[in-house]
Amino acid sequence: HFHTHDTSGINAASVLTAADAGVDVVDCAIASMSGSTSQPNLNSIVAALKHQTRDTGLDVDALNEFSDYWDRVRDFYAPFDSAPRSGTAEVYLHEMPGGQYTNLKEQAASMGLANHWPEIARTYAEVNQLFGDIVKVTPSSKVVGDMTMFLVTRGIKPADVLNLEPGSTPFPESVIDMMMGGLGQPLGGWPRKLQQVILGDRKPQKGRPGSGLKPVNLEKLRKELTAKFKREITDDLLYSHLMYPQVFADFMKIRREHGDLANLPTPAFFYGLRTGEEISVDIEEGKTLFIKLLQMGDVDEEGKRAITFELNGVSRETQVADKSSQVKPKSRTKADPANPGQVGAPIPGVVTAISVSVGSKVAKGDKLLTLEAMKMQTTIYAPSDGVVETIDVKVGEAVESKDLLVRVKLQAGA
């Protein structure tokens, strides 16, 4: 079974060579969805192998019909397509898998670093070497990406990481977990000096990851989730919870608040309705909603618009936040780098957890809060012994780099 992406632009040649070598299965993509960080072109490969000893027997005309359909569908998703427009030899430098390439580009854009992509790609390659030139596949490729973005946003060169004081830097959680042994051990182990810098006083795990996990009673867990979310928990939902509990919880929260948004027509979901446009939404068997946009008001001082619409012929009104408006959120105080008790955000992100309260006594290295930016979690630790004076953010709030998060009154002599 041969799997590859086509970021280089020439991996159809790899598939054809694999066919000559007797491969049983290859992964390809329908023509209009192929190439770049996707898989090589299925339609073209099938045509190229026709009348050869490895003729696939697939119908090229039928495949082209599928391609025409998906070509139209792909237009809906064009604004979210961050893959390179053509093949690039850059992949031989950074060795990013296709999925990681697009994810990291989105992550960079969300942090305002889209224009720094060449630097990010070079740093990714250097971080990979820092880790020992590891096998990069989900989730290890993501860990390299998390470390890359962390270093770029903080202005740290990969070559300088080994000079940092062990345990003094709030590396992303995924990096700490990998160095702890959470993804297993590469042949020969992790670079010892790097492991000490990242883990500090933490002791890495020994043995196979997951060997100490307790067995899960699936049916008991299914009943607990059914009671919690008040709906049938299918196998897909159960396994989603087991693998990604927080993502699953967020998904169920959105589903509870907004219903099954997959029932909406794709253009309406992504781009909204035009004034006078009407759509139909099947919310359950035999029940269809007809929704028509009548009017949109102007943006108010809070960045919201009054929306008038018809629901099954009945006029209604609501308010929605216009994210494209120019209303700016209030600016935050920046942490003073000269004051060691002021803890600032190392990266832009969203506050996902706060582990202390005002008045809490903390020791150096105690967890204060957690930030997340495009799936990259970073834990913020107390800089020294002391008492929490103020907490300047709330869970769910977005912060920019260097925004003040927490003030700690340092213990005398600390």
Foldseek 3Di string as FASTA:
>chain_A
DAEAAAQQVPCLVVVVVVVVVPDDDYDADQQLPGHRLHGHHPLVSLVVCPPHPVNPPDDSVVSVVVNVVVNVVVVLCVVLDPTDPHRDPLCVQLVQRSVLVSLLCVLCVLQVNNVVVVVLSNQLSVLCVLFPVDDQDPPNVVLSSQQSVLCVLLVHRSVCLLVADAPQDFRWPVVLCVLLQQVHADVVGTDPSNSRNDPPPDHRDDDHHPPPDDDDPQVVVQVVVCVVLVDHQDPVLSVCCVVPVVVSVVVSVCCVVPNDCVQDDSNCVPPNDDAQDWDWGDRDVPDIKIKHWHDWADQDLVQKIWTWIDINRRIDIDIDHDPPDPNDDDDFDFFDPVDLQWDWASGWFFWAFADDDAFDWFAFFQWGTWGDGSNTITTDTGNGTFGWHDARDDGGDIDGGRGTGTGGDHDPPD
